[in-house]
Amino acid sequence: MARILNRMGYRLRKVLKAKPQKKVVETDAIFKNIKEKATEAKSDTSVKRLSIDCKATVKIGEYSRGGKTRGDNQAVDHDMGCTEKYTPFGILDEDYIRLFAREAEQGF
């Protein structure tokens, strides 16, 4: 069956990621509004501007995450039974460009 499909042009291919949708009409208006609000907040001394960012949750353990090494490091082949997770995040004080907090949420 595989030979017949190959002859007909149906070959195994890598699954493609979905292409991003076209830019919506409101995009420029949204960013203009955000810029205006940021400018207002920057000039108001009673407002504290913070930037908060979270990264992807990762499982804690000796697992391969697609990284490369020149050493003789080895990773566990499966992550079965892993209950500990780690979510790195940071909070930046935008007025003083100072890292306000850098921690991680751990879940068990």
PDB file of N, CA and C in Angstrom:
ATOM      1  N   MET A   1       0.813  -1.182   0.000  1.00  0.00           N
ATOM      2  CA  MET A   1       0.000   0.000   0.000  1.00  0.00           C
ATOM      3  C   MET A   1       0.869   1.264   0.000  1.00  0.00           C
ATOM      4  N   ALA A   2       1.985   1.230   0.758  1.00  0.00           N
ATOM      5  CA  ALA A   2       2.873   2.391   0.824  1.00  0.00           C
ATOM      6  C   ALA A   2       3.439   2.721  -0.551  1.00  0.00           C
ATOM      7  N   ARG A   3       3.770   1.702  -1.334  1.00  0.00           N
ATOM      8  CA  ARG A   3       4.321   1.940  -2.678  1.00  0.00           C
ATOM      9  C   ARG A   3       3.302   2.634  -3.577  1.00  0.00           C
ATOM     10  N   ILE A   4       2.076   2.195  -3.495  1.00  0.00           N
ATOM     11  CA  ILE A   4       1.024   2.797  -4.323  1.00  0.00           C
ATOM     12  C   ILE A   4       0.840   4.271  -3.950  1.00  0.00           C
ATOM     13  N   LEU A   5       0.795   4.538  -2.659  1.00  0.00           N
ATOM     14  CA  LEU A   5       0.635   5.920  -2.206  1.00  0.00           C
ATOM     15  C   LEU A   5       1.822   6.774  -2.632  1.00  0.00           C
ATOM     16  N   ASN A   6       3.037   6.220  -2.551  1.00  0.00           N
ATOM     17  CA  ASN A   6       4.231   6.960  -2.977  1.00  0.00           C
ATOM     18  C   ASN A   6       4.167   7.292  -4.466  1.00  0.00           C
ATOM     19  N   ARG A   7       3.734   6.340  -5.282  1.00  0.00           N
ATOM     20  CA  ARG A   7       3.627   6.583  -6.725  1.00  0.00           C
ATOM     21  C   ARG A   7       2.602   7.665  -7.034  1.00  0.00           C
ATOM     22  N   MET A   8       1.568   7.738  -6.213  1.00  0.00           N
ATOM     23  CA  MET A   8       0.527   8.741  -6.425  1.00  0.00           C
ATOM     24  C   MET A   8       0.924  10.111  -5.862  1.00  0.00           C
ATOM     25  N   GLY A   9       2.110  10.182  -5.244  1.00  0.00           N
ATOM     26  CA  GLY A   9       2.586  11.462  -4.725  1.00  0.00           C
ATOM     27  C   GLY A   9       2.281  11.704  -3.257  1.00  0.00           C
ATOM     28  N   TYR A  10       1.713  10.711  -2.589  1.00  0.00           N
ATOM     29  CA  TYR A  10       1.426  10.849  -1.155  1.00  0.00           C
ATOM     30  C   TYR A  10       2.597  10.286  -0.366  1.00  0.00           C
ATOM     31  N   ARG A  11       3.551  11.146  -0.055  1.00  0.00           N
ATOM     32  CA  ARG A  11       4.731  10.719   0.690  1.00  0.00           C
ATOM     33  C   ARG A  11       4.657  11.259   2.116  1.00  0.00           C
ATOM     34  N   LEU A  12       5.393  10.614   2.997  1.00  0.00           N
ATOM     35  CA  LEU A  12       5.463  11.106   4.365  1.00  0.00           C
ATOM     36  C   LEU A  12       6.213  12.426   4.373  1.00  0.00           C
ATOM     37  N   ARG A  13       5.646  13.406   5.031  1.00  0.00           N
ATOM     38  CA  ARG A  13       6.266  14.723   5.135  1.00  0.00           C
ATOM     39  C   ARG A  13       6.184  15.184   6.578  1.00  0.00           C
ATOM     40  N   LYS A  14       7.018  16.129   6.892  1.00  0.00           N
ATOM     41  CA  LYS A  14       6.976  16.739   8.211  1.00  0.00           C
ATOM     42  C   LYS A  14       5.685  17.543   8.325  1.00  0.00           C
ATOM     43  N   VAL A  15       5.048  17.469   9.479  1.00  0.00           N
ATOM     44  CA  VAL A  15       3.822  18.222   9.707  1.00  0.00           C
ATOM     45  C   VAL A  15       4.180  19.697   9.824  1.00  0.00           C
ATOM     46  N   LEU A  16       3.559  20.531   9.017  1.00  0.00           N
ATOM     47  CA  LEU A  16       3.845  21.958   9.017  1.00  0.00           C
ATOM     48  C   LEU A  16       3.048  22.668  10.099  1.00  0.00           C
ATOM     49  N   LYS A  17       3.653  23.671  10.688  1.00  0.00           N
ATOM     50  CA  LYS A  17       2.940  24.488  11.662  1.00  0.00           C
ATOM     51  C   LYS A  17       1.955  25.382  10.917  1.00  0.00           C
ATOM     52  N   ALA A  18       0.899  25.745  11.602  1.00  0.00           N
ATOM     53  CA  ALA A  18      -0.105  26.616  10.993  1.00  0.00           C
ATOM     54  C   ALA A  18       0.501  27.982  10.715  1.00  0.00           C
ATOM     55  N   LYS A  19       0.165  28.537   9.590  1.00  0.00           N
ATOM     56  CA  LYS A  19       0.653  29.868   9.248  1.00  0.00           C
ATOM     57  C   LYS A  19      -0.117  30.897  10.068  1.00  0.00           C
ATOM     58  N   PRO A  20       0.553  31.964  10.488  1.00  0.00           N
ATOM     59  CA  PRO A  20      -0.158  32.979  11.271  1.00  0.00           C
ATOM     60  C   PRO A  20      -1.250  33.646  10.449  1.00  0.00           C
ATOM     61  N   GLN A  21      -2.301  34.029  11.145  1.00  0.00           N
ATOM     62  CA  GLN A  21      -3.393  34.713  10.466  1.00  0.00           C
ATOM     63  C   GLN A  21      -2.929  36.092  10.024  1.00  0.00           C
ATOM     64  N   LYS A  22      -3.631  36.624   9.058  1.00  0.00           N
ATOM     65  CA  LYS A  22      -3.298  37.968   8.589  1.00  0.00           C
ATOM     66  C   LYS A  22      -3.579  38.978   9.696  1.00  0.00           C
ATOM     67  N   LYS A  23      -2.900  40.089   9.620  1.00  0.00           N
ATOM     68  CA  LYS A  23      -3.054  41.153  10.610  1.00  0.00           C
ATOM     69  C   LYS A  23      -4.492  41.666  10.583  1.00  0.00           C
ATOM     70  N   VAL A  24      -5.104  41.740  11.760  1.00  0.00           N
ATOM     71  CA  VAL A  24      -6.471  42.244  11.831  1.00  0.00           C
ATOM     72  C   VAL A  24      -6.460  43.765  11.708  1.00  0.00           C
ATOM     73  N   VAL A  25      -7.561  44.297  11.293  1.00  0.00           N
ATOM     74  CA  VAL A  25      -7.678  45.736  11.039  1.00  0.00           C
ATOM     75  C   VAL A  25      -7.415  46.548  12.308  1.00  0.00           C
ATOM     76  N   GLU A  26      -7.843  46.036  13.455  1.00  0.00           N
ATOM     77  CA  GLU A  26      -7.746  46.783  14.714  1.00  0.00           C
ATOM     78  C   GLU A  26      -6.345  46.784  15.317  1.00  0.00           C
ATOM     79  N   THR A  27      -5.398  46.046  14.769  1.00  0.00           N
ATOM     80  CA  THR A  27      -4.071  45.915  15.373  1.00  0.00           C
ATOM     81  C   THR A  27      -3.402  47.261  15.603  1.00  0.00           C
ATOM     82  N   ASP A  28      -3.384  48.121  14.608  1.00  0.00           N
ATOM     83  CA  ASP A  28      -2.742  49.428  14.756  1.00  0.00           C
ATOM     84  C   ASP A  28      -3.422  50.261  15.838  1.00  0.00           C
ATOM     85  N   ALA A  29      -4.740  50.205  15.889  1.00  0.00           N
ATOM     86  CA  ALA A  29      -5.481  50.962  16.905  1.00  0.00           C
ATOM     87  C   ALA A  29      -5.184  50.432  18.308  1.00  0.00           C
ATOM     88  N   ILE A  30      -5.056  49.125  18.436  1.00  0.00           N
ATOM     89  CA  ILE A  30      -4.749  48.522  19.737  1.00  0.00           C
ATOM     90  C   ILE A  30      -3.390  48.998  20.232  1.00  0.00           C
ATOM     91  N   PHE A  31      -2.372  48.933  19.371  1.00  0.00           N
ATOM     92  CA  PHE A  31      -1.030  49.343  19.782  1.00  0.00           C
ATOM     93  C   PHE A  31      -0.940  50.850  20.026  1.00  0.00           C
ATOM     94  N   LYS A  32      -1.709  51.621  19.289  1.00  0.00           N
ATOM     95  CA  LYS A  32      -1.742  53.069  19.524  1.00  0.00           C
ATOM     96  C   LYS A  32      -2.316  53.354  20.912  1.00  0.00           C
ATOM     97  N   ASN A  33      -3.384  52.641  21.266  1.00  0.00           N
ATOM     98  CA  ASN A  33      -4.003  52.798  22.581  1.00  0.00           C
ATOM     99  C   ASN A  33      -3.030  52.397  23.693  1.00  0.00           C
ATOM    100  N   ILE A  34      -2.320  51.301  23.509  1.00  0.00           N
ATOM    101  CA  ILE A  34      -1.346  50.848  24.506  1.00  0.00           C
ATOM    102  C   ILE A  34      -0.248  51.890  24.687  1.00  0.00           C
ATOM    103  N   LYS A  35       0.232  52.444  23.586  1.00  0.00           N
ATOM    104  CA  LYS A  35       1.297  53.451  23.660  1.00  0.00           C
ATOM    105  C   LYS A  35       0.816  54.699  24.398  1.00  0.00           C
ATOM    106  N   GLU A  36      -0.421  55.121  24.128  1.00  0.00           N
ATOM    107  CA  GLU A  36      -0.985  56.289  24.814  1.00  0.00           C
ATOM    108  C   GLU A  36      -1.094  56.041  26.317  1.00  0.00           C
ATOM    109  N   LYS A  37      -1.597  54.867  26.694  1.00  0.00           N
ATOM    110  CA  LYS A  37      -1.748  54.536  28.114  1.00  0.00           C
ATOM    111  C   LYS A  37      -0.385  54.463  28.798  1.00  0.00           C
ATOM    112  N   ALA A  38       0.618  53.920  28.122  1.00  0.00           N
ATOM    113  CA  ALA A  38       1.962  53.829  28.695  1.00  0.00           C
ATOM    114  C   ALA A  38       2.559  55.213  28.903  1.00  0.00           C
ATOM    115  N   THR A  39       2.323  56.112  27.948  1.00  0.00           N
ATOM    116  CA  THR A  39       2.824  57.486  28.069  1.00  0.00           C
ATOM    117  C   THR A  39       2.155  58.201  29.237  1.00  0.00           C
ATOM    118  N   GLU A  40       0.834  58.011  29.383  1.00  0.00           N
ATOM    119  CA  GLU A  40       0.108  58.609  30.508  1.00  0.00           C
ATOM    120  C   GLU A  40       0.644  58.085  31.840  1.00  0.00           C
ATOM    121  N   ALA A  41       0.845  56.786  31.924  1.00  0.00           N
ATOM    122  CA  ALA A  41       1.322  56.174  33.168  1.00  0.00           C
ATOM    123  C   ALA A  41       2.738  56.623  33.502  1.00  0.00           C
ATOM    124  N   LYS A  42       3.556  56.816  32.478  1.00  0.00           N
ATOM    125  CA  LYS A  42       4.946  57.225  32.696  1.00  0.00           C
ATOM    126  C   LYS A  42       5.020  58.633  33.280  1.00  0.00           C
ATOM    127  N   SER A  43       4.105  59.508  32.875  1.00  0.00           N
ATOM    128  CA  SER A  43       4.125  60.889  33.366  1.00  0.00           C
ATOM    129  C   SER A  43       3.425  61.044  34.720  1.00  0.00           C
ATOM    130  N   ASP A  44       2.638  60.055  35.126  1.00  0.00           N
ATOM    131  CA  ASP A  44       1.919  60.109  36.406  1.00  0.00           C
ATOM    132  C   ASP A  44       2.783  59.475  37.498  1.00  0.00           C
ATOM    133  N   THR A  45       3.183  60.266  38.493  1.00  0.00           N
ATOM    134  CA  THR A  45       4.079  59.758  39.544  1.00  0.00           C
ATOM    135  C   THR A  45       3.379  58.821  40.518  1.00  0.00           C
ATOM    136  N   SER A  46       2.054  58.796  40.529  1.00  0.00           N
ATOM    137  CA  SER A  46       1.335  57.903  41.443  1.00  0.00           C
ATOM    138  C   SER A  46       1.181  56.491  40.876  1.00  0.00           C
ATOM    139  N   VAL A  47       1.641  56.282  39.656  1.00  0.00           N
ATOM    140  CA  VAL A  47       1.516  54.980  39.003  1.00  0.00           C
ATOM    141  C   VAL A  47       2.866  54.273  39.016  1.00  0.00           C
ATOM    142  N   LYS A  48       2.871  53.019  39.453  1.00  0.00           N
ATOM    143  CA  LYS A  48       4.085  52.196  39.437  1.00  0.00           C
ATOM    144  C   LYS A  48       3.996  51.286  38.217  1.00  0.00           C
ATOM    145  N   ARG A  49       4.955  51.415  37.303  1.00  0.00           N
ATOM    146  CA  ARG A  49       4.944  50.610  36.075  1.00  0.00           C
ATOM    147  C   ARG A  49       5.817  49.378  36.271  1.00  0.00           C
ATOM    148  N   LEU A  50       5.206  48.202  36.117  1.00  0.00           N
ATOM    149  CA  LEU A  50       5.910  46.935  36.259  1.00  0.00           C
ATOM    150  C   LEU A  50       5.741  46.119  34.990  1.00  0.00           C
ATOM    151  N   SER A  51       6.760  45.371  34.674  1.00  0.00           N
ATOM    152  CA  SER A  51       6.697  44.442  33.553  1.00  0.00           C
ATOM    153  C   SER A  51       6.843  43.039  34.127  1.00  0.00           C
ATOM    154  N   ILE A  52       5.868  42.187  33.860  1.00  0.00           N
ATOM    155  CA  ILE A  52       5.861  40.830  34.405  1.00  0.00           C
ATOM    156  C   ILE A  52       5.928  39.843  33.249  1.00  0.00           C
ATOM    157  N   ASP A  53       6.807  38.844  33.383  1.00  0.00           N
ATOM    158  CA  ASP A  53       6.985  37.863  32.317  1.00  0.00           C
ATOM    159  C   ASP A  53       7.137  36.481  32.925  1.00  0.00           C
ATOM    160  N   CYS A  54       6.423  35.513  32.378  1.00  0.00           N
ATOM    161  CA  CYS A  54       6.547  34.116  32.800  1.00  0.00           C
ATOM    162  C   CYS A  54       7.049  33.294  31.624  1.00  0.00           C
ATOM    163  N   LYS A  55       7.826  32.294  31.928  1.00  0.00           N
ATOM    164  CA  LYS A  55       8.327  31.385  30.903  1.00  0.00           C
ATOM    165  C   LYS A  55       7.562  30.070  30.985  1.00  0.00           C
ATOM    166  N   ALA A  56       7.829  29.183  30.077  1.00  0.00           N
ATOM    167  CA  ALA A  56       7.136  27.899  30.035  1.00  0.00           C
ATOM    168  C   ALA A  56       7.481  27.058  31.261  1.00  0.00           C
ATOM    169  N   THR A  57       6.495  26.344  31.772  1.00  0.00           N
ATOM    170  CA  THR A  57       6.707  25.443  32.898  1.00  0.00           C
ATOM    171  C   THR A  57       7.537  24.251  32.441  1.00  0.00           C
ATOM    172  N   VAL A  58       8.540  23.908  33.240  1.00  0.00           N
ATOM    173  CA  VAL A  58       9.389  22.761  32.915  1.00  0.00           C
ATOM    174  C   VAL A  58       9.355  21.774  34.068  1.00  0.00           C
ATOM    175  N   LYS A  59       9.541  20.513  33.764  1.00  0.00           N
ATOM    176  CA  LYS A  59       9.603  19.485  34.790  1.00  0.00           C
ATOM    177  C   LYS A  59      10.997  19.471  35.384  1.00  0.00           C
ATOM    178  N   ILE A  60      11.069  19.304  36.703  1.00  0.00           N
ATOM    179  CA  ILE A  60      12.356  19.293  37.383  1.00  0.00           C
ATOM    180  C   ILE A  60      12.922  17.881  37.334  1.00  0.00           C
ATOM    181  N   GLY A  61      14.129  17.766  36.859  1.00  0.00           N
ATOM    182  CA  GLY A  61      14.796  16.466  36.781  1.00  0.00           C
ATOM    183  C   GLY A  61      15.842  16.474  35.691  1.00  0.00           C
ATOM    184  N   GLU A  62      16.488  15.366  35.534  1.00  0.00           N
ATOM    185  CA  GLU A  62      17.553  15.248  34.535  1.00  0.00           C
ATOM    186  C   GLU A  62      16.956  14.839  33.192  1.00  0.00           C
ATOM    187  N   TYR A  63      16.189  15.749  32.606  1.00  0.00           N
ATOM    188  CA  TYR A  63      15.514  15.476  31.347  1.00  0.00           C
ATOM    189  C   TYR A  63      16.156  16.272  30.227  1.00  0.00           C
ATOM    190  N   SER A  64      16.114  15.702  29.043  1.00  0.00           N
ATOM    191  CA  SER A  64      16.623  16.406  27.873  1.00  0.00           C
ATOM    192  C   SER A  64      15.546  17.358  27.384  1.00  0.00           C
ATOM    193  N   ARG A  65      15.913  18.597  27.183  1.00  0.00           N
ATOM    194  CA  ARG A  65      14.967  19.586  26.660  1.00  0.00           C
ATOM    195  C   ARG A  65      15.424  20.075  25.296  1.00  0.00           C
ATOM    196  N   GLY A  66      16.119  19.207  24.577  1.00  0.00           N
ATOM    197  CA  GLY A  66      16.568  19.571  23.242  1.00  0.00           C
ATOM    198  C   GLY A  66      17.858  20.358  23.229  1.00  0.00           C
ATOM    199  N   GLY A  67      18.528  20.442  24.370  1.00  0.00           N
ATOM    200  CA  GLY A  67      19.782  21.189  24.439  1.00  0.00           C
ATOM    201  C   GLY A  67      20.954  20.376  23.925  1.00  0.00           C
ATOM    202  N   LYS A  68      22.092  21.028  23.783  1.00  0.00           N
ATOM    203  CA  LYS A  68      23.305  20.370  23.310  1.00  0.00           C
ATOM    204  C   LYS A  68      24.401  20.552  24.346  1.00  0.00           C
ATOM    205  N   THR A  69      25.341  19.643  24.370  1.00  0.00           N
ATOM    206  CA  THR A  69      26.440  19.718  25.321  1.00  0.00           C
ATOM    207  C   THR A  69      27.718  19.186  24.693  1.00  0.00           C
ATOM    208  N   ARG A  70      28.832  19.692  25.151  1.00  0.00           N
ATOM    209  CA  ARG A  70      30.123  19.158  24.725  1.00  0.00           C
ATOM    210  C   ARG A  70      30.627  18.144  25.741  1.00  0.00           C
ATOM    211  N   GLY A  71      29.987  18.090  26.881  1.00  0.00           N
ATOM    212  CA  GLY A  71      30.397  17.176  27.942  1.00  0.00           C
ATOM    213  C   GLY A  71      29.765  15.810  27.778  1.00  0.00           C
ATOM    214  N   ASP A  72      29.911  15.005  28.816  1.00  0.00           N
ATOM    215  CA  ASP A  72      29.383  13.641  28.794  1.00  0.00           C
ATOM    216  C   ASP A  72      28.092  13.577  29.605  1.00  0.00           C
ATOM    217  N   ASN A  73      27.243  14.571  29.434  1.00  0.00           N
ATOM    218  CA  ASN A  73      25.991  14.608  30.179  1.00  0.00           C
ATOM    219  C   ASN A  73      24.989  13.644  29.567  1.00  0.00           C
ATOM    220  N   GLN A  74      24.169  13.051  30.434  1.00  0.00           N
ATOM    221  CA  GLN A  74      23.129  12.153  29.962  1.00  0.00           C
ATOM    222  C   GLN A  74      21.824  12.528  30.634  1.00  0.00           C
ATOM    223  N   ALA A  75      20.744  12.305  29.922  1.00  0.00           N
ATOM    224  CA  ALA A  75      19.423  12.635  30.451  1.00  0.00           C
ATOM    225  C   ALA A  75      18.607  11.363  30.590  1.00  0.00           C
ATOM    226  N   VAL A  76      17.613  11.427  31.459  1.00  0.00           N
ATOM    227  CA  VAL A  76      16.691  10.315  31.625  1.00  0.00           C
ATOM    228  C   VAL A  76      15.878  10.194  30.340  1.00  0.00           C
ATOM    229  N   ASP A  77      15.608   8.954  29.910  1.00  0.00           N
ATOM    230  CA  ASP A  77      14.928   8.784  28.628  1.00  0.00           C
ATOM    231  C   ASP A  77      13.429   9.060  28.694  1.00  0.00           C
ATOM    232  N   HIS A  78      12.813   8.992  29.869  1.00  0.00           N
ATOM    233  CA  HIS A  78      11.384   9.286  30.000  1.00  0.00           C
ATOM    234  C   HIS A  78      11.156  10.129  31.239  1.00  0.00           C
ATOM    235  N   ASP A  79      10.077  10.875  31.253  1.00  0.00           N
ATOM    236  CA  ASP A  79       9.768  11.707  32.413  1.00  0.00           C
ATOM    237  C   ASP A  79       8.577  11.156  33.192  1.00  0.00           C
ATOM    238  N   MET A  80       8.411   9.866  33.174  1.00  0.00           N
ATOM    239  CA  MET A  80       7.281   9.246  33.857  1.00  0.00           C
ATOM    240  C   MET A  80       7.411   9.421  35.370  1.00  0.00           C
ATOM    241  N   GLY A  81       6.345   9.823  35.987  1.00  0.00           N
ATOM    242  CA  GLY A  81       6.324   9.947  37.434  1.00  0.00           C
ATOM    243  C   GLY A  81       6.823  11.277  37.955  1.00  0.00           C
ATOM    244  N   CYS A  82       7.175  12.184  37.093  1.00  0.00           N
ATOM    245  CA  CYS A  82       7.665  13.489  37.536  1.00  0.00           C
ATOM    246  C   CYS A  82       6.479  14.341  37.982  1.00  0.00           C
ATOM    247  N   THR A  83       6.539  14.793  39.233  1.00  0.00           N
ATOM    248  CA  THR A  83       5.455  15.631  39.735  1.00  0.00           C
ATOM    249  C   THR A  83       5.912  17.059  39.996  1.00  0.00           C
ATOM    250  N   GLU A  84       7.215  17.280  40.141  1.00  0.00           N
ATOM    251  CA  GLU A  84       7.713  18.629  40.408  1.00  0.00           C
ATOM    252  C   GLU A  84       7.827  19.425  39.118  1.00  0.00           C
ATOM    253  N   LYS A  85       7.323  20.648  39.167  1.00  0.00           N
ATOM    254  CA  LYS A  85       7.392  21.531  38.004  1.00  0.00           C
ATOM    255  C   LYS A  85       7.910  22.893  38.441  1.00  0.00           C
ATOM    256  N   TYR A  86       8.439  23.644  37.490  1.00  0.00           N
ATOM    257  CA  TYR A  86       9.093  24.914  37.769  1.00  0.00           C
ATOM    258  C   TYR A  86       8.640  25.930  36.721  1.00  0.00           C
ATOM    259  N   THR A  87       8.144  27.070  37.166  1.00  0.00           N
ATOM    260  CA  THR A  87       7.732  28.128  36.246  1.00  0.00           C
ATOM    261  C   THR A  87       8.546  29.386  36.536  1.00  0.00           C
ATOM    262  N   PRO A  88       9.600  29.641  35.767  1.00  0.00           N
ATOM    263  CA  PRO A  88      10.389  30.848  36.009  1.00  0.00           C
ATOM    264  C   PRO A  88       9.614  32.107  35.616  1.00  0.00           C
ATOM    265  N   PHE A  89       9.774  33.153  36.422  1.00  0.00           N
ATOM    266  CA  PHE A  89       9.137  34.424  36.096  1.00  0.00           C
ATOM    267  C   PHE A  89       9.963  35.572  36.650  1.00  0.00           C
ATOM    268  N   GLY A  90       9.698  36.749  36.153  1.00  0.00           N
ATOM    269  CA  GLY A  90      10.412  37.928  36.623  1.00  0.00           C
ATOM    270  C   GLY A  90       9.506  39.146  36.625  1.00  0.00           C
ATOM    271  N   ILE A  91       9.806  40.081  37.536  1.00  0.00           N
ATOM    272  CA  ILE A  91       9.078  41.348  37.613  1.00  0.00           C
ATOM    273  C   ILE A  91      10.108  42.466  37.527  1.00  0.00           C
ATOM    274  N   LEU A  92       9.919  43.357  36.571  1.00  0.00           N
ATOM    275  CA  LEU A  92      10.855  44.448  36.333  1.00  0.00           C
ATOM    276  C   LEU A  92      10.199  45.780  36.662  1.00  0.00           C
ATOM    277  N   ASP A  93      10.898  46.598  37.441  1.00  0.00           N
ATOM    278  CA  ASP A  93      10.456  47.964  37.718  1.00  0.00           C
ATOM    279  C   ASP A  93      10.883  48.807  36.517  1.00  0.00           C
ATOM    280  N   GLU A  94       9.918  49.227  35.699  1.00  0.00           N
ATOM    281  CA  GLU A  94      10.245  49.926  34.453  1.00  0.00           C
ATOM    282  C   GLU A  94      10.725  51.355  34.666  1.00  0.00           C
ATOM    283  N   ASP A  95      10.395  51.951  35.806  1.00  0.00           N
ATOM    284  CA  ASP A  95      10.839  53.321  36.058  1.00  0.00           C
ATOM    285  C   ASP A  95      12.341  53.387  36.324  1.00  0.00           C
ATOM    286  N   TYR A  96      12.853  52.399  37.037  1.00  0.00           N
ATOM    287  CA  TYR A  96      14.273  52.386  37.393  1.00  0.00           C
ATOM    288  C   TYR A  96      15.060  51.303  36.657  1.00  0.00           C
ATOM    289  N   ILE A  97      14.396  50.573  35.759  1.00  0.00           N
ATOM    290  CA  ILE A  97      14.993  49.451  35.024  1.00  0.00           C
ATOM    291  C   ILE A  97      15.760  48.558  36.010  1.00  0.00           C
ATOM    292  N   ARG A  98      15.045  48.127  37.027  1.00  0.00           N
ATOM    293  CA  ARG A  98      15.635  47.304  38.073  1.00  0.00           C
ATOM    294  C   ARG A  98      14.789  46.044  38.237  1.00  0.00           C
ATOM    295  N   LEU A  99      15.470  44.906  38.358  1.00  0.00           N
ATOM    296  CA  LEU A  99      14.769  43.643  38.554  1.00  0.00           C
ATOM    297  C   LEU A  99      14.185  43.623  39.957  1.00  0.00           C
ATOM    298  N   PHE A 100      12.878  43.598  40.036  1.00  0.00           N
ATOM    299  CA  PHE A 100      12.168  43.675  41.302  1.00  0.00           C
ATOM    300  C   PHE A 100      12.067  42.296  41.947  1.00  0.00           C
ATOM    301  N   ALA A 101      11.833  41.281  41.142  1.00  0.00           N
ATOM    302  CA  ALA A 101      11.722  39.913  41.651  1.00  0.00           C
ATOM    303  C   ALA A 101      12.115  38.948  40.551  1.00  0.00           C
ATOM    304  N   ARG A 102      12.772  37.887  40.949  1.00  0.00           N
ATOM    305  CA  ARG A 102      13.118  36.830  40.000  1.00  0.00           C
ATOM    306  C   ARG A 102      13.041  35.529  40.773  1.00  0.00           C
ATOM    307  N   GLU A 103      11.957  34.856  40.628  1.00  0.00           N
ATOM    308  CA  GLU A 103      11.724  33.631  41.373  1.00  0.00           C
ATOM    309  C   GLU A 103      11.079  32.617  40.448  1.00  0.00           C
ATOM    310  N   ALA A 104      10.588  31.588  41.056  1.00  0.00           N
ATOM    311  CA  ALA A 104       9.880  30.580  40.291  1.00  0.00           C
ATOM    312  C   ALA A 104       8.799  29.983  41.161  1.00  0.00           C
ATOM    313  N   GLU A 105       7.732  29.626  40.516  1.00  0.00           N
ATOM    314  CA  GLU A 105       6.652  28.949  41.217  1.00  0.00           C
ATOM    315  C   GLU A 105       6.892  27.463  41.053  1.00  0.00           C
ATOM    316  N   GLN A 106       6.888  26.759  42.149  1.00  0.00           N
ATOM    317  CA  GLN A 106       7.080  25.318  42.064  1.00  0.00           C
ATOM    318  C   GLN A 106       5.780  24.626  42.418  1.00  0.00           C
ATOM    319  N   GLY A 107       5.421  23.667  41.614  1.00  0.00           N
ATOM    320  CA  GLY A 107       4.225  22.889  41.886  1.00  0.00           C
ATOM    321  C   GLY A 107       4.585  21.436  42.113  1.00  0.00           C
ATOM    322  N   PHE A 108       3.877  20.806  43.001  1.00  0.00           N
ATOM    323  CA  PHE A 108       4.174  19.396  43.297  1.00  0.00           C
ATOM    324  C   PHE A 108       2.966  18.544  43.054  1.00  0.00           C
TER     325      PHE A 108
END
